[in-house]
Amino acid sequence: MNINDLDIGDVVYAAKDITDDGSMPESTEGETLAQAGARGVIVMKGHIEETPESHVFLVRFEDETLTLGRPIGCWEEDLMSEAG
């Protein structure tokens, strides 16, 4: 399934370790925000105004206790629709 076909409430998985690029409040640049394979849920979907074909997703990933974390901005290539 194409990630761009998914919508709010759909389950996704981190395709790779997702790290802070310096844009996350209360995080350190380079900090791992979600480990590869972590399960998450899409809470918002949008695009970049200058490039409408570039989709961005806000995803809340589960931690090791299965608690959803804060929303993380992800690009299509950061996500997969099935556990790998």
Protein backbone atom coordinates (compact mmCIF):
# COMPACT_ATOMS: atom_id res chain seq x y z
CA MET A 1 0.00 0.00 0.00
CA ASN A 2 1.17 3.51 -0.80
CA ILE A 3 1.84 5.56 2.34
CA ASN A 4 0.16 8.60 0.74
CA ASP A 5 -3.11 6.63 0.53
CA LEU A 6 -3.21 6.31 4.32
CA ASP A 7 -5.20 8.72 6.47
CA ILE A 8 -5.72 9.84 10.05
CA GLY A 9 -6.14 6.86 12.38
CA ASP A 10 -4.23 4.43 10.18
CA VAL A 11 -1.42 2.36 11.68
CA VAL A 12 2.10 2.78 10.29
CA TYR A 13 5.59 1.62 11.24
CA ALA A 14 8.90 3.48 11.34
CA ALA A 15 10.84 2.36 8.26
CA LYS A 16 14.09 3.41 9.95
CA ASP A 17 15.22 5.09 13.14
CA ILE A 18 13.64 8.55 13.18
CA THR A 19 15.89 11.15 14.77
CA ASP A 20 15.40 14.77 15.76
CA ASP A 21 16.66 17.13 13.07
CA GLY A 22 16.70 19.97 15.58
CA SER A 23 13.05 20.93 15.10
CA MET A 24 11.51 19.03 18.05
CA PRO A 25 10.97 21.06 21.21
CA GLU A 26 12.38 19.46 24.37
CA SER A 27 14.61 17.10 22.34
CA THR A 28 18.24 17.12 21.36
CA GLU A 29 19.31 17.16 17.72
CA GLY A 30 20.22 13.60 16.74
CA GLU A 31 18.10 12.04 19.51
CA THR A 32 16.18 8.92 18.41
CA LEU A 33 12.46 9.73 18.48
CA ALA A 34 11.20 6.37 17.14
CA GLN A 35 13.13 3.19 16.54
CA ALA A 36 12.90 1.28 13.25
CA GLY A 37 9.83 -0.96 13.34
CA ALA A 38 8.00 1.06 16.01
CA ARG A 39 4.22 1.02 15.53
CA GLY A 40 2.42 4.34 15.36
CA VAL A 41 -0.83 5.98 14.36
CA ILE A 42 -1.27 8.88 11.96
CA VAL A 43 -2.82 11.84 13.80
CA MET A 44 -2.54 14.45 11.04
CA LYS A 45 -1.65 14.51 7.36
CA GLY A 46 -0.71 17.46 5.19
CA HIS A 47 1.72 18.79 2.64
CA ILE A 48 4.32 21.47 2.25
CA GLU A 49 2.77 24.60 0.74
CA GLU A 50 5.65 25.19 -1.68
CA THR A 51 5.63 21.55 -2.81
CA PRO A 52 2.11 20.09 -2.51
CA GLU A 53 3.36 16.70 -3.73
CA SER A 54 5.52 16.40 -0.58
CA HIS A 55 3.33 14.84 2.10
CA VAL A 56 4.12 15.17 5.79
CA PHE A 57 2.54 13.05 8.51
CA LEU A 58 2.25 13.61 12.24
CA VAL A 59 2.59 10.21 13.86
CA ARG A 60 2.40 9.12 17.49
CA PHE A 61 4.61 6.07 17.98
CA GLU A 62 4.33 3.55 20.80
CA ASP A 63 7.18 3.21 23.27
CA GLU A 64 8.32 -0.04 24.91
CA THR A 65 5.33 0.12 27.31
CA LEU A 66 2.91 0.54 24.34
CA THR A 67 2.17 4.12 25.39
CA LEU A 68 1.74 6.59 22.53
CA GLY A 69 4.37 9.32 22.50
CA ARG A 70 4.07 12.90 21.34
CA PRO A 71 3.43 13.58 17.63
CA ILE A 72 6.48 13.41 15.39
CA GLY A 73 6.63 14.93 11.91
CA CYS A 74 7.52 12.26 9.35
CA TRP A 75 8.11 12.14 5.61
CA GLU A 76 6.71 9.37 3.42
CA GLU A 77 10.13 7.65 3.29
CA ASP A 78 10.20 7.47 7.13
CA LEU A 79 7.12 5.22 7.19
CA MET A 80 5.90 1.83 6.01
CA SER A 81 2.39 0.42 6.14
CA GLU A 82 3.32 -3.10 7.29
CA ALA A 83 5.75 -4.29 9.92
CA GLY A 84 9.06 -5.16 8.33
